[in-house]
Amino acid sequence: MRARRDLVAASALFLATAAFVLWQNSQVAILWDLGYLLDTSWRIALGQMPYRDFPLVHAPLTFLIQTAIIQAGGRHYLLLESYTALVGGLGTLLAWRILLRILARISSAAWTLSLLLALPLVFLGIYGIYPHPIYDCDCGLSILIALFLLQRLESAKLGAFGRWAFPLLTGAAVVLPAFFKQNMGVPFALAVGCGLVLLLAVKILSRRDASVPEAGTLATVLGGMALALGAALALIQHTAGLGNYLRWTVRFAAERRLPGFADMLGVYRQPSFLWTLPAVGVGLLLLLRLGPSFWARVAGFCLLAAPFVWSLVFLFLDDDLDERADNLLALWPLVLVVSAMMALFALRKGLTLACLFPFFVLAAIHGSFLSQQLWGSTYAIWPLLMLLIAQSIAALPAHSSWVRPALAGVTSATLAVCGGLYAAGHERLNYAHVDDGAMSRSTLPALHAIATPGPYLANFDELARFAAAEIPTGDALLLLPGEDPFYYATGRTPRFPVSIFDRTTDPYSPSELLAEARRRNVRWVIVKTVLQSNEDPLPQPDETLTLVVREFPLARHLAGYDIYRRPQ
């Protein structure tokens, strides 16, 4: 009976999440991000080596997955949609099972509570807000896998082989996120590694009889981390070259994207803290100090629930999508501060792997903020927030039995309603024109099923037809700023080392860009004039275009592009 119940719940969560991701893909396509991901993956499928043959500022695993999909199934956008639906469903399913184990320690109703807290992830899962393949979301899934395995270290029933193989696998899983997204995966791996070393030292020094096998398990996990890291770096050295990898993914990426310390702290300057922190603080004190009193529990619950209830009420007070989004995202710093304080408070009972769990999650969350310093960067990590909420609910005192499910219900309702509107309204995607005109679809075979509002796909189809008729396949092209998946859609070979130009990916100044174009015998420059992006991402666009027109006369004006051609 219990197995059937689990299967029904797992199937419902997976299918609902996957269906929402597919629906999101049918509503919007962000060409800038798709161009970067797909053209880079297509380069690799053609045999070009990232970091060595062309610059790549991100870790390789997402691109390698998409390369494998291209090589196995060809260039079909429908495969990308299927991938995000599958991964999104798996992410929600994994988060639910982790929630279940967190809550199982404190409540006989853990199954119901975990399902309740997992429901908002149908809309806020790793691919719910941003529905296209991207490294942030893949890294989110890999972190969930690592957390799922870490949870089971102490209780997994393993045979002789599993007693060392499972910890080794867990250690490898902890390292894996760093090769999807550096700023998320590296802090997570460092936090887990430091936590395991600290826990190992405590267990060895305690000299309890039971500490020896547990210490051996922890040491094996650390060994798995070291082996996985060593194997990954050796493979990179053998292929792209470790120096090239570090140059682009560490030095160049940090130079272009790493914020200052003041900017990192800036995300905690929330005006709502003036009332939410006192409310939650008093609510916790009432439950911890006066918990047996009925009215203390009622007052404590009302104060803890107030920030979430306010987000729901705000929907009826303001219909501006930006304001609604800001009000919802203001819950993030509150949850992070409260969960960190409660996790520190829980350490008074002793150091265990379960006590360290929130710190691993917090490290991954704060790492994700390093790239953009925005609460909007949370789009791939809402499942991690739900884990912190569950951890905080589990830390409430035992006499708060009815408070826990009531608080879980309020939290779930708020995030399901507000989060569903936030995701469906595409507020996180407002860096592009996502609600600009009637829905259009591409006629190109590789982009069958892609759809987005506005003229952008129709314009791109015209460019692809022009290129097929007028531009020899062997000619080198320069696309500025490179917003579209041109090479993926047309099957052409990229002959310039950079195919998308913004401050984080473009290593050239305008003069260096034109010098490199001459060196590589670029004959065509295609400048996109009708951008889906809100702003032109090309660094120094006026100076670049001035240099272009000096050497490349205008050959054709299309609906969304100007075509320049170097004279023979």
Protein backbone atom coordinates (compact mmCIF):
# COMPACT_ATOMS: atom_id res chain seq x y z
CA MET A 1 0.00 0.00 0.00
CA ARG A 2 2.78 2.43 0.94
CA ALA A 3 4.74 1.60 -2.23
CA ARG A 4 1.65 2.25 -4.37
CA ARG A 5 1.05 5.56 -2.60
CA ASP A 6 4.65 6.60 -3.24
CA LEU A 7 4.42 5.62 -6.90
CA VAL A 8 1.23 7.64 -7.41
CA ALA A 9 2.71 10.71 -5.70
CA ALA A 10 6.03 10.42 -7.57
CA SER A 11 4.28 10.02 -10.92
CA ALA A 12 1.99 12.99 -10.26
CA LEU A 13 4.85 15.29 -9.25
CA PHE A 14 7.02 14.22 -12.17
CA LEU A 15 4.31 14.48 -14.82
CA ALA A 16 2.90 17.77 -13.55
CA THR A 17 6.34 19.37 -13.47
CA ALA A 18 7.27 18.04 -16.91
CA ALA A 19 3.96 19.24 -18.36
CA PHE A 20 4.51 22.75 -17.00
CA VAL A 21 8.04 22.89 -18.43
CA LEU A 22 6.71 21.82 -21.84
CA TRP A 23 4.00 24.47 -21.62
CA GLN A 24 6.61 27.10 -20.77
CA ASN A 25 8.64 26.08 -23.81
CA SER A 26 5.56 26.51 -25.99
CA GLN A 27 5.16 30.10 -24.77
CA VAL A 28 8.63 31.61 -25.00
CA ALA A 29 12.10 31.11 -26.46
CA ILE A 30 15.04 33.23 -25.28
CA LEU A 31 17.19 33.35 -28.41
CA TRP A 32 20.23 34.88 -26.71
CA ASP A 33 20.68 32.01 -24.27
CA LEU A 34 19.70 29.38 -26.84
CA GLY A 35 22.23 30.78 -29.30
CA TYR A 36 25.03 30.50 -26.75
CA LEU A 37 24.14 27.00 -25.63
CA LEU A 38 23.27 25.45 -28.98
CA ASP A 39 25.99 27.00 -31.13
CA THR A 40 28.61 26.10 -28.53
CA SER A 41 27.33 22.52 -28.32
CA TRP A 42 27.27 22.31 -32.12
CA ARG A 43 30.91 23.45 -32.24
CA ILE A 44 31.85 20.61 -29.90
CA ALA A 45 29.81 18.11 -31.96
CA LEU A 46 31.83 19.19 -35.01
CA GLY A 47 35.07 18.39 -33.19
CA GLN A 48 36.11 21.84 -31.96
CA MET A 49 37.63 21.67 -28.49
CA PRO A 50 36.36 24.20 -25.93
CA TYR A 51 38.94 26.22 -23.99
CA ARG A 52 41.60 25.25 -26.54
CA ASP A 53 40.01 26.04 -29.92
CA PHE A 54 37.53 28.64 -28.71
CA PRO A 55 36.90 30.48 -25.42
CA LEU A 56 34.22 29.17 -23.08
CA VAL A 57 33.70 30.83 -19.71
CA HIS A 58 31.45 28.13 -18.28
CA ALA A 59 32.12 24.60 -17.08
CA PRO A 60 31.60 21.95 -19.77
CA LEU A 61 29.03 19.37 -18.64
CA THR A 62 25.81 21.03 -19.85
CA PHE A 63 27.39 21.64 -23.26
CA LEU A 64 28.67 18.06 -23.41
CA ILE A 65 25.19 16.72 -22.59
CA GLN A 66 23.67 18.76 -25.40
CA THR A 67 26.49 17.65 -27.71
CA ALA A 68 25.68 14.03 -26.91
CA ILE A 69 21.99 14.68 -27.64
CA ILE A 70 22.91 16.25 -31.00
CA GLN A 71 25.17 13.35 -31.90
CA ALA A 72 22.56 10.78 -30.88
CA GLY A 73 19.42 12.38 -32.27
CA GLY A 74 20.48 15.18 -34.60
CA ARG A 75 19.63 18.87 -34.49
CA HIS A 76 16.02 18.91 -33.32
CA TYR A 77 14.70 21.51 -30.90
CA LEU A 78 12.05 19.05 -29.73
CA LEU A 79 14.84 17.00 -28.14
CA LEU A 80 15.80 20.02 -26.05
CA GLU A 81 12.24 20.48 -24.84
CA SER A 82 12.03 16.80 -23.92
CA TYR A 83 15.32 17.05 -22.04
CA THR A 84 14.21 19.99 -19.90
CA ALA A 85 10.87 18.32 -19.14
CA LEU A 86 12.64 15.13 -18.05
CA VAL A 87 15.24 16.90 -15.91
CA GLY A 88 12.64 19.25 -14.44
CA GLY A 89 10.46 16.32 -13.40
CA LEU A 90 13.42 14.47 -11.89
CA GLY A 91 14.42 17.56 -9.92
CA THR A 92 11.00 17.85 -8.30
CA LEU A 93 10.93 14.13 -7.57
CA LEU A 94 14.36 14.22 -5.92
CA ALA A 95 13.45 17.29 -3.88
CA TRP A 96 10.33 15.51 -2.58
CA ARG A 97 12.32 12.47 -1.44
CA ILE A 98 14.86 14.72 0.32
CA LEU A 99 12.02 16.64 1.99
CA LEU A 100 10.50 13.36 3.14
CA ARG A 101 13.69 12.32 4.89
CA ILE A 102 14.14 15.71 6.54
CA LEU A 103 10.63 15.65 7.96
CA ALA A 104 10.62 11.94 8.85
CA ARG A 105 12.72 12.72 11.93
CA ILE A 106 10.01 14.80 13.57
CA SER A 107 6.54 13.86 12.37
CA SER A 108 4.40 10.85 11.69
CA ALA A 109 2.76 13.01 9.01
CA ALA A 110 6.08 13.48 7.20
CA TRP A 111 4.75 11.99 3.96
CA THR A 112 1.88 14.47 3.77
CA LEU A 113 4.03 17.43 4.81
CA SER A 114 6.76 16.60 2.30
CA LEU A 115 4.24 16.30 -0.51
CA LEU A 116 2.69 19.60 0.53
CA LEU A 117 6.05 21.39 0.41
CA ALA A 118 6.94 19.76 -2.91
CA LEU A 119 3.77 20.95 -4.68
CA PRO A 120 5.04 24.49 -5.47
CA LEU A 121 7.95 22.91 -7.32
CA VAL A 122 5.56 21.94 -10.10
CA PHE A 123 5.93 25.62 -11.08
CA LEU A 124 9.18 26.53 -9.33
CA GLY A 125 11.22 23.43 -10.19
CA ILE A 126 14.68 23.70 -11.66
CA TYR A 127 13.35 24.18 -15.21
CA GLY A 128 9.98 25.74 -14.35
CA ILE A 129 10.95 29.43 -14.57
CA TYR A 130 13.62 29.22 -17.25
CA PRO A 131 12.55 26.33 -19.52
CA HIS A 132 15.54 25.92 -21.88
CA PRO A 133 18.66 23.81 -21.27
CA ILE A 134 21.12 25.82 -19.20
CA TYR A 135 24.02 25.13 -16.83
CA ASP A 136 22.35 26.68 -13.75
CA CYS A 137 19.41 24.27 -13.92
CA ASP A 138 21.58 21.22 -14.65
CA CYS A 139 23.79 22.20 -11.72
CA GLY A 140 20.67 22.42 -9.54
CA LEU A 141 19.79 18.83 -10.42
CA SER A 142 23.32 17.60 -9.72
CA ILE A 143 23.28 19.30 -6.30
CA LEU A 144 19.98 17.59 -5.48
CA ILE A 145 21.49 14.23 -6.48
CA ALA A 146 24.47 14.84 -4.17
CA LEU A 147 22.21 15.86 -1.27
CA PHE A 148 20.00 12.82 -1.85
CA LEU A 149 23.03 10.51 -1.58
CA LEU A 150 24.51 12.35 1.41
CA GLN A 151 21.25 11.92 3.31
CA ARG A 152 21.49 8.15 2.93
CA LEU A 153 25.07 7.69 4.09
CA GLU A 154 24.13 6.93 7.68
CA SER A 155 21.14 4.70 7.08
CA ALA A 156 21.64 2.95 3.74
CA LYS A 157 21.58 -0.85 4.06
CA LEU A 158 24.58 -1.86 2.03
CA GLY A 159 26.34 -5.09 1.33
CA ALA A 160 30.09 -5.59 1.46
CA PHE A 161 30.54 -3.99 -1.96
CA GLY A 162 28.17 -1.12 -1.24
CA ARG A 163 29.87 -0.17 2.02
CA TRP A 164 32.70 1.42 0.07
CA ALA A 165 31.16 1.84 -3.39
CA PHE A 166 28.21 3.95 -2.19
CA PRO A 167 30.40 6.48 -0.28
CA LEU A 168 32.74 6.71 -3.28
CA LEU A 169 29.77 7.40 -5.55
CA THR A 170 28.51 10.01 -3.09
CA GLY A 171 31.89 11.74 -3.07
CA ALA A 172 31.95 11.84 -6.86
CA ALA A 173 28.41 13.27 -6.89
CA VAL A 174 29.49 16.09 -4.57
CA VAL A 175 32.20 17.17 -7.03
CA LEU A 176 30.03 16.89 -10.14
CA PRO A 177 28.15 20.22 -9.77
CA ALA A 178 31.41 22.17 -10.08
CA PHE A 179 31.65 21.00 -13.69
CA PHE A 180 28.15 22.25 -14.51
CA LYS A 181 28.44 25.75 -13.00
CA GLN A 182 31.51 26.95 -11.15
CA ASN A 183 29.96 29.55 -8.87
CA MET A 184 27.31 27.10 -7.63
CA GLY A 185 29.22 23.84 -7.61
CA VAL A 186 32.55 24.93 -6.13
CA PRO A 187 31.12 26.50 -2.93
CA PHE A 188 28.87 23.48 -2.48
CA ALA A 189 31.77 21.02 -2.81
CA LEU A 190 33.95 23.11 -0.49
CA ALA A 191 31.20 23.28 2.13
CA VAL A 192 30.58 19.53 1.99
CA GLY A 193 34.30 18.76 2.05
CA CYS A 194 34.95 21.01 5.06
CA GLY A 195 31.88 19.66 6.84
CA LEU A 196 32.95 16.05 6.34
CA VAL A 197 36.50 16.77 7.51
CA LEU A 198 35.14 18.45 10.65
CA LEU A 199 32.73 15.60 11.30
CA LEU A 200 35.47 13.02 10.72
CA ALA A 201 37.76 14.78 13.21
CA VAL A 202 35.01 14.86 15.84
CA LYS A 203 34.22 11.18 15.38
CA ILE A 204 37.85 10.13 15.60
CA LEU A 205 38.54 12.25 18.66
CA SER A 206 35.37 11.06 20.42
CA ARG A 207 36.80 7.49 20.40
CA ARG A 208 33.43 5.85 20.65
CA ASP A 209 33.16 2.26 19.49
CA ALA A 210 30.61 3.19 16.86
CA SER A 211 32.82 5.93 15.44
CA VAL A 212 35.21 3.68 13.54
CA PRO A 213 32.91 2.47 10.73
CA GLU A 214 31.27 5.91 10.52
CA ALA A 215 34.68 7.54 10.28
CA GLY A 216 35.60 5.07 7.57
CA THR A 217 32.48 5.99 5.60
CA LEU A 218 33.27 9.70 5.85
CA ALA A 219 36.86 9.12 4.80
CA THR A 220 35.67 7.10 1.81
CA VAL A 221 33.36 9.95 0.73
CA LEU A 222 36.29 12.36 0.92
CA GLY A 223 38.35 9.88 -1.07
CA GLY A 224 35.60 9.72 -3.69
CA MET A 225 35.68 13.51 -3.95
CA ALA A 226 39.44 13.52 -4.41
CA LEU A 227 39.35 10.72 -7.00
CA ALA A 228 36.54 12.36 -8.99
CA LEU A 229 38.27 15.73 -8.96
CA GLY A 230 41.59 14.21 -9.96
CA ALA A 231 40.01 12.22 -12.79
CA ALA A 232 38.14 15.28 -14.11
CA LEU A 233 41.24 17.47 -14.08
CA ALA A 234 43.31 14.75 -15.74
CA LEU A 235 40.71 14.41 -18.49
CA ILE A 236 40.66 18.17 -19.02
CA GLN A 237 44.44 18.24 -19.20
CA HIS A 238 44.43 15.44 -21.77
CA THR A 239 41.84 17.15 -23.98
CA ALA A 240 41.57 20.93 -23.70
CA GLY A 241 44.56 21.56 -21.46
CA LEU A 242 44.21 22.48 -17.79
CA GLY A 243 45.86 25.85 -18.33
CA ASN A 244 43.32 26.76 -21.01
CA TYR A 245 40.46 25.61 -18.78
CA LEU A 246 41.61 27.68 -15.80
CA ARG A 247 42.28 30.70 -18.01
CA TRP A 248 38.68 30.91 -19.22
CA THR A 249 36.56 29.39 -16.43
CA VAL A 250 38.45 30.90 -13.49
CA ARG A 251 40.58 33.93 -14.36
CA PHE A 252 38.54 35.38 -17.23
CA ALA A 253 35.17 34.48 -15.68
CA ALA A 254 36.12 36.01 -12.32
CA GLU A 255 37.45 39.13 -14.01
CA ARG A 256 34.20 39.69 -15.90
CA ARG A 257 31.55 38.49 -13.41
CA LEU A 258 32.80 38.21 -9.82
CA PRO A 259 31.17 40.99 -7.77
CA GLY A 260 32.70 42.91 -4.90
CA PHE A 261 31.99 41.94 -1.31
CA ALA A 262 29.74 44.96 -0.80
CA ASP A 263 27.65 43.91 -3.80
CA MET A 264 27.31 40.40 -2.40
CA LEU A 265 25.97 41.78 0.88
CA GLY A 266 23.69 44.14 -0.99
CA VAL A 267 21.15 41.42 -1.61
CA TYR A 268 20.38 41.46 2.12
CA ARG A 269 19.39 45.13 2.12
CA GLN A 270 15.69 44.33 2.16
CA PRO A 271 13.23 46.98 3.40
CA SER A 272 10.84 44.18 4.37
CA PHE A 273 13.33 43.10 7.05
CA LEU A 274 12.08 46.01 9.17
CA TRP A 275 8.96 43.98 10.00
CA THR A 276 9.52 40.39 8.82
CA LEU A 277 12.61 39.69 10.94
CA PRO A 278 11.05 40.99 14.18
CA ALA A 279 7.84 39.11 13.45
CA VAL A 280 9.60 35.81 12.83
CA GLY A 281 12.01 36.36 15.73
CA VAL A 282 9.19 36.96 18.22
CA GLY A 283 7.23 34.04 16.79
CA LEU A 284 10.16 31.69 17.33
CA LEU A 285 10.70 32.96 20.88
CA LEU A 286 7.06 32.36 21.72
CA LEU A 287 7.23 28.78 20.46
CA LEU A 288 10.59 28.05 22.09
CA ARG A 289 9.94 29.69 25.46
CA LEU A 290 6.16 29.61 25.91
CA GLY A 291 5.32 26.80 23.52
CA PRO A 292 3.13 24.71 25.88
CA SER A 293 0.74 27.65 26.15
CA PHE A 294 -2.04 27.40 23.54
CA TRP A 295 -2.17 31.13 22.91
CA ALA A 296 1.60 31.34 22.66
CA ARG A 297 1.47 28.72 19.93
CA VAL A 298 -1.32 30.55 18.11
CA ALA A 299 0.54 33.86 18.30
CA GLY A 300 3.83 32.20 17.29
CA PHE A 301 2.23 30.56 14.28
CA CYS A 302 0.58 33.82 13.15
CA LEU A 303 3.87 35.70 13.36
CA LEU A 304 5.82 33.01 11.48
CA ALA A 305 3.17 32.78 8.78
CA ALA A 306 2.71 36.56 8.39
CA PRO A 307 5.45 37.13 5.72
CA PHE A 308 4.00 34.33 3.56
CA VAL A 309 0.41 35.45 4.03
CA TRP A 310 1.45 38.99 3.09
CA SER A 311 2.76 37.73 -0.26
CA LEU A 312 -0.66 36.25 -0.98
CA VAL A 313 -2.51 39.37 0.14
CA PHE A 314 -0.21 41.52 -1.99
CA LEU A 315 -1.60 39.84 -5.14
CA PHE A 316 -4.90 41.61 -4.49
CA LEU A 317 -3.29 44.96 -3.70
CA ASP A 318 -1.01 45.38 -6.71
CA ASP A 319 -1.33 43.90 -10.19
CA ASP A 320 2.09 45.09 -11.37
CA LEU A 321 4.18 42.02 -12.23
CA ASP A 322 7.46 43.63 -11.15
CA GLU A 323 6.12 44.55 -7.73
CA ARG A 324 4.59 41.11 -7.25
CA ALA A 325 7.88 39.46 -8.17
CA ASP A 326 9.88 41.68 -5.79
CA ASN A 327 7.45 40.91 -2.99
CA LEU A 328 7.76 37.16 -3.58
CA LEU A 329 11.55 37.23 -3.90
CA ALA A 330 11.82 39.18 -0.63
CA LEU A 331 11.00 35.87 1.09
CA TRP A 332 14.40 34.54 0.04
CA PRO A 333 16.66 36.61 2.31
CA LEU A 334 14.23 36.09 5.18
CA VAL A 335 14.29 32.30 4.81
CA LEU A 336 18.07 32.27 4.43
CA VAL A 337 18.69 34.33 7.56
CA VAL A 338 16.20 32.38 9.67
CA SER A 339 17.35 28.96 8.46
CA ALA A 340 21.01 29.86 9.10
CA MET A 341 20.22 30.96 12.64
CA MET A 342 18.14 27.86 13.35
CA ALA A 343 20.85 25.61 11.89
CA LEU A 344 23.44 27.23 14.16
CA PHE A 345 21.09 26.84 17.14
CA ALA A 346 20.64 23.14 16.33
CA LEU A 347 24.41 22.54 16.63
CA ARG A 348 24.11 22.81 20.41
CA LYS A 349 22.77 19.24 20.38
CA GLY A 350 25.93 17.92 18.74
CA LEU A 351 27.58 17.73 15.34
CA THR A 352 25.97 15.32 12.88
CA LEU A 353 25.71 15.07 9.12
CA ALA A 354 22.03 16.05 9.35
CA CYS A 355 22.95 19.21 11.31
CA LEU A 356 25.43 20.21 8.61
CA PHE A 357 22.92 19.68 5.81
CA PRO A 358 21.51 23.25 5.86
CA PHE A 359 25.01 24.71 5.59
CA PHE A 360 25.66 22.69 2.42
CA VAL A 361 22.44 24.05 0.94
CA LEU A 362 23.23 27.62 2.00
CA ALA A 363 26.66 27.43 0.36
CA ALA A 364 25.13 26.35 -2.96
CA ILE A 365 22.48 29.08 -2.80
CA HIS A 366 24.91 31.88 -2.06
CA GLY A 367 27.25 30.61 -4.74
CA SER A 368 24.48 30.99 -7.30
CA PHE A 369 24.13 34.68 -6.40
CA LEU A 370 27.76 35.41 -7.29
CA SER A 371 27.07 35.57 -11.01
CA GLN A 372 24.34 38.20 -10.98
CA GLN A 373 23.93 39.54 -7.42
CA LEU A 374 20.16 39.34 -7.87
CA TRP A 375 17.42 37.48 -6.07
CA GLY A 376 16.20 36.83 -9.61
CA SER A 377 19.12 34.42 -9.92
CA THR A 378 17.06 32.02 -7.83
CA TYR A 379 15.31 30.57 -10.89
CA ALA A 380 17.20 27.24 -10.77
CA ILE A 381 17.38 26.76 -7.00
CA TRP A 382 13.86 27.04 -5.58
CA PRO A 383 14.02 23.35 -4.59
CA LEU A 384 16.95 24.24 -2.31
CA LEU A 385 14.84 26.93 -0.65
CA MET A 386 12.13 24.35 0.03
CA LEU A 387 14.73 22.13 1.72
CA LEU A 388 15.68 25.00 4.04
CA ILE A 389 12.04 25.68 4.84
CA ALA A 390 11.52 22.00 5.69
CA GLN A 391 14.65 22.03 7.84
CA SER A 392 13.37 25.07 9.75
CA ILE A 393 9.92 23.52 10.24
CA ALA A 394 11.58 20.33 11.50
CA ALA A 395 13.59 22.39 14.01
CA LEU A 396 10.47 23.77 15.70
CA PRO A 397 9.87 22.35 19.21
CA ALA A 398 7.98 19.08 19.58
CA HIS A 399 5.00 20.71 21.32
CA SER A 400 4.36 22.62 18.08
CA SER A 401 2.77 19.56 16.51
CA TRP A 402 -0.13 21.39 14.83
CA VAL A 403 2.04 24.43 14.05
CA ARG A 404 4.25 22.43 11.70
CA PRO A 405 1.56 21.23 9.27
CA ALA A 406 -0.23 24.59 9.46
CA LEU A 407 2.97 26.45 8.60
CA ALA A 408 3.76 23.99 5.82
CA GLY A 409 0.26 24.55 4.41
CA VAL A 410 0.59 28.34 4.40
CA THR A 411 4.05 28.15 2.84
CA SER A 412 2.91 25.73 0.16
CA ALA A 413 -0.17 27.79 -0.73
CA THR A 414 1.84 31.01 -0.95
CA LEU A 415 4.61 29.62 -3.12
CA ALA A 416 2.25 27.62 -5.32
CA VAL A 417 0.02 30.61 -6.08
CA CYS A 418 2.59 33.43 -6.11
CA GLY A 419 5.29 31.23 -7.61
CA GLY A 420 2.97 29.89 -10.29
CA LEU A 421 2.04 33.43 -11.35
CA TYR A 422 5.71 34.47 -11.23
CA ALA A 423 6.77 31.59 -13.48
CA ALA A 424 3.85 31.80 -15.90
CA GLY A 425 4.24 35.59 -16.15
CA HIS A 426 7.88 35.16 -17.30
CA GLU A 427 8.97 37.91 -14.93
CA ARG A 428 12.44 36.37 -14.56
CA LEU A 429 12.82 36.54 -18.36
CA ASN A 430 12.19 40.27 -18.62
CA TYR A 431 15.74 40.87 -19.86
CA ALA A 432 14.22 39.98 -23.25
CA HIS A 433 11.04 40.99 -25.08
CA VAL A 434 8.97 37.94 -24.15
CA ASP A 435 5.49 39.43 -24.57
CA ASP A 436 6.12 41.46 -27.70
CA GLY A 437 3.47 40.76 -30.33
CA ALA A 438 1.76 37.67 -31.69
CA MET A 439 3.19 34.19 -31.24
CA SER A 440 5.39 33.02 -34.11
CA ARG A 441 7.13 29.74 -34.96
CA SER A 442 10.20 28.90 -36.96
CA THR A 443 9.95 27.07 -40.29
CA LEU A 444 13.51 25.74 -40.06
CA PRO A 445 13.63 21.93 -39.58
CA ALA A 446 16.15 22.10 -36.72
CA LEU A 447 13.96 24.57 -34.83
CA HIS A 448 10.64 22.84 -35.37
CA ALA A 449 8.42 23.40 -32.29
CA ILE A 450 10.24 26.55 -31.14
CA ALA A 451 7.84 29.43 -30.51
CA THR A 452 8.03 32.94 -29.06
CA PRO A 453 6.10 36.21 -29.31
CA GLY A 454 7.32 38.88 -31.71
CA PRO A 455 8.96 39.01 -35.15
CA TYR A 456 12.26 37.45 -34.11
CA LEU A 457 11.78 33.90 -35.44
CA ALA A 458 10.34 35.13 -38.75
CA ASN A 459 13.29 37.49 -39.14
CA PHE A 460 15.72 34.69 -38.33
CA ASP A 461 14.09 32.38 -40.88
CA GLU A 462 14.62 35.09 -43.52
CA LEU A 463 18.29 35.33 -42.56
CA ALA A 464 18.70 31.55 -42.79
CA ARG A 465 17.12 31.52 -46.26
CA PHE A 466 19.40 34.36 -47.38
CA ALA A 467 22.47 32.56 -46.07
CA ALA A 468 21.48 29.34 -47.87
CA ALA A 469 21.05 31.20 -51.15
CA GLU A 470 23.82 33.81 -51.02
CA ILE A 471 26.59 32.84 -48.59
CA PRO A 472 28.87 29.92 -49.55
CA THR A 473 29.02 27.33 -46.78
CA GLY A 474 32.81 27.61 -46.59
CA ASP A 475 32.83 31.38 -45.95
CA ALA A 476 33.68 32.63 -42.47
CA LEU A 477 30.97 34.70 -40.79
CA LEU A 478 30.86 37.16 -37.93
CA LEU A 479 27.43 37.57 -36.29
CA LEU A 480 26.95 40.58 -34.02
CA PRO A 481 25.92 40.27 -31.28
CA GLY A 482 25.15 36.61 -32.11
CA GLU A 483 21.74 36.45 -30.46
CA ASP A 484 20.45 33.52 -32.54
CA PRO A 485 21.33 29.78 -32.73
CA PHE A 486 22.53 30.37 -36.30
CA TYR A 487 25.05 27.56 -36.64
CA TYR A 488 22.86 24.99 -34.91
CA ALA A 489 19.88 25.89 -37.09
CA THR A 490 21.77 26.00 -40.40
CA GLY A 491 24.31 23.23 -39.77
CA ARG A 492 27.20 25.50 -40.80
CA THR A 493 30.64 25.26 -39.25
CA PRO A 494 31.60 28.20 -37.01
CA ARG A 495 34.94 29.59 -38.22
CA PHE A 496 35.31 32.49 -35.79
CA PRO A 497 36.21 31.53 -32.19
CA VAL A 498 33.41 33.59 -30.62
CA SER A 499 29.81 33.30 -31.79
CA ILE A 500 28.06 35.38 -29.11
CA PHE A 501 29.28 38.75 -27.89
CA ASP A 502 28.74 40.32 -24.50
CA ARG A 503 31.05 41.42 -21.72
CA THR A 504 31.14 37.98 -20.09
CA THR A 505 32.00 35.98 -23.23
CA ASP A 506 33.84 38.38 -25.57
CA PRO A 507 37.59 38.74 -24.94
CA TYR A 508 38.14 41.24 -27.79
CA SER A 509 38.16 45.02 -27.92
CA PRO A 510 36.56 46.45 -31.11
CA SER A 511 39.92 46.84 -32.83
CA GLU A 512 41.04 43.36 -31.75
CA LEU A 513 37.76 41.93 -33.04
CA LEU A 514 38.29 43.39 -36.52
CA ALA A 515 41.95 42.33 -36.52
CA GLU A 516 40.94 38.75 -35.70
CA ALA A 517 38.27 38.89 -38.43
CA ARG A 518 40.95 39.84 -40.96
CA ARG A 519 43.26 37.10 -39.75
CA ARG A 520 40.54 34.50 -40.16
CA ASN A 521 39.48 35.85 -43.55
CA VAL A 522 35.93 36.72 -42.44
CA ARG A 523 33.98 37.78 -45.54
CA TRP A 524 30.54 38.43 -44.04
CA VAL A 525 29.42 40.42 -40.99
CA ILE A 526 25.77 40.02 -39.98
CA VAL A 527 24.50 42.66 -37.57
CA LYS A 528 21.16 42.00 -35.89
CA THR A 529 19.13 45.22 -35.88
CA VAL A 530 15.89 44.00 -34.25
CA LEU A 531 17.01 42.45 -30.96
CA GLN A 532 14.91 40.30 -28.68
CA SER A 533 17.17 41.37 -25.82
CA ASN A 534 16.14 44.59 -24.10
CA GLU A 535 19.60 46.08 -24.56
CA ASP A 536 22.35 45.51 -27.08
CA PRO A 537 24.74 43.15 -25.26
CA LEU A 538 27.62 43.87 -27.67
CA PRO A 539 30.40 45.73 -25.82
CA GLN A 540 31.01 49.17 -27.40
CA PRO A 541 28.51 48.60 -30.24
CA ASP A 542 28.93 52.04 -31.87
CA GLU A 543 32.71 51.77 -32.10
CA THR A 544 32.48 48.19 -33.36
CA LEU A 545 29.97 49.08 -36.08
CA THR A 546 32.08 52.07 -37.16
CA LEU A 547 35.06 49.77 -37.70
CA VAL A 548 32.89 47.18 -39.49
CA VAL A 549 31.50 49.60 -42.10
CA ARG A 550 35.02 50.79 -42.95
CA GLU A 551 35.97 47.36 -44.25
CA PHE A 552 32.63 45.71 -45.05
CA PRO A 553 30.20 47.57 -47.36
CA LEU A 554 26.50 46.99 -46.76
CA ALA A 555 25.33 44.20 -49.08
CA ARG A 556 21.72 43.61 -48.04
CA HIS A 557 19.17 44.95 -45.59
CA LEU A 558 16.77 42.33 -44.18
CA ALA A 559 13.83 42.79 -41.84
CA GLY A 560 15.93 42.20 -38.72
CA TYR A 561 19.52 42.16 -39.98
CA ASP A 562 22.06 44.17 -41.95
CA ILE A 563 24.41 42.06 -44.06
CA TYR A 564 27.92 43.41 -44.72
CA ARG A 565 30.34 41.79 -47.19
CA ARG A 566 34.06 42.32 -47.63
CA PRO A 567 34.92 43.06 -51.29
CA GLN A 568 36.72 40.29 -53.17
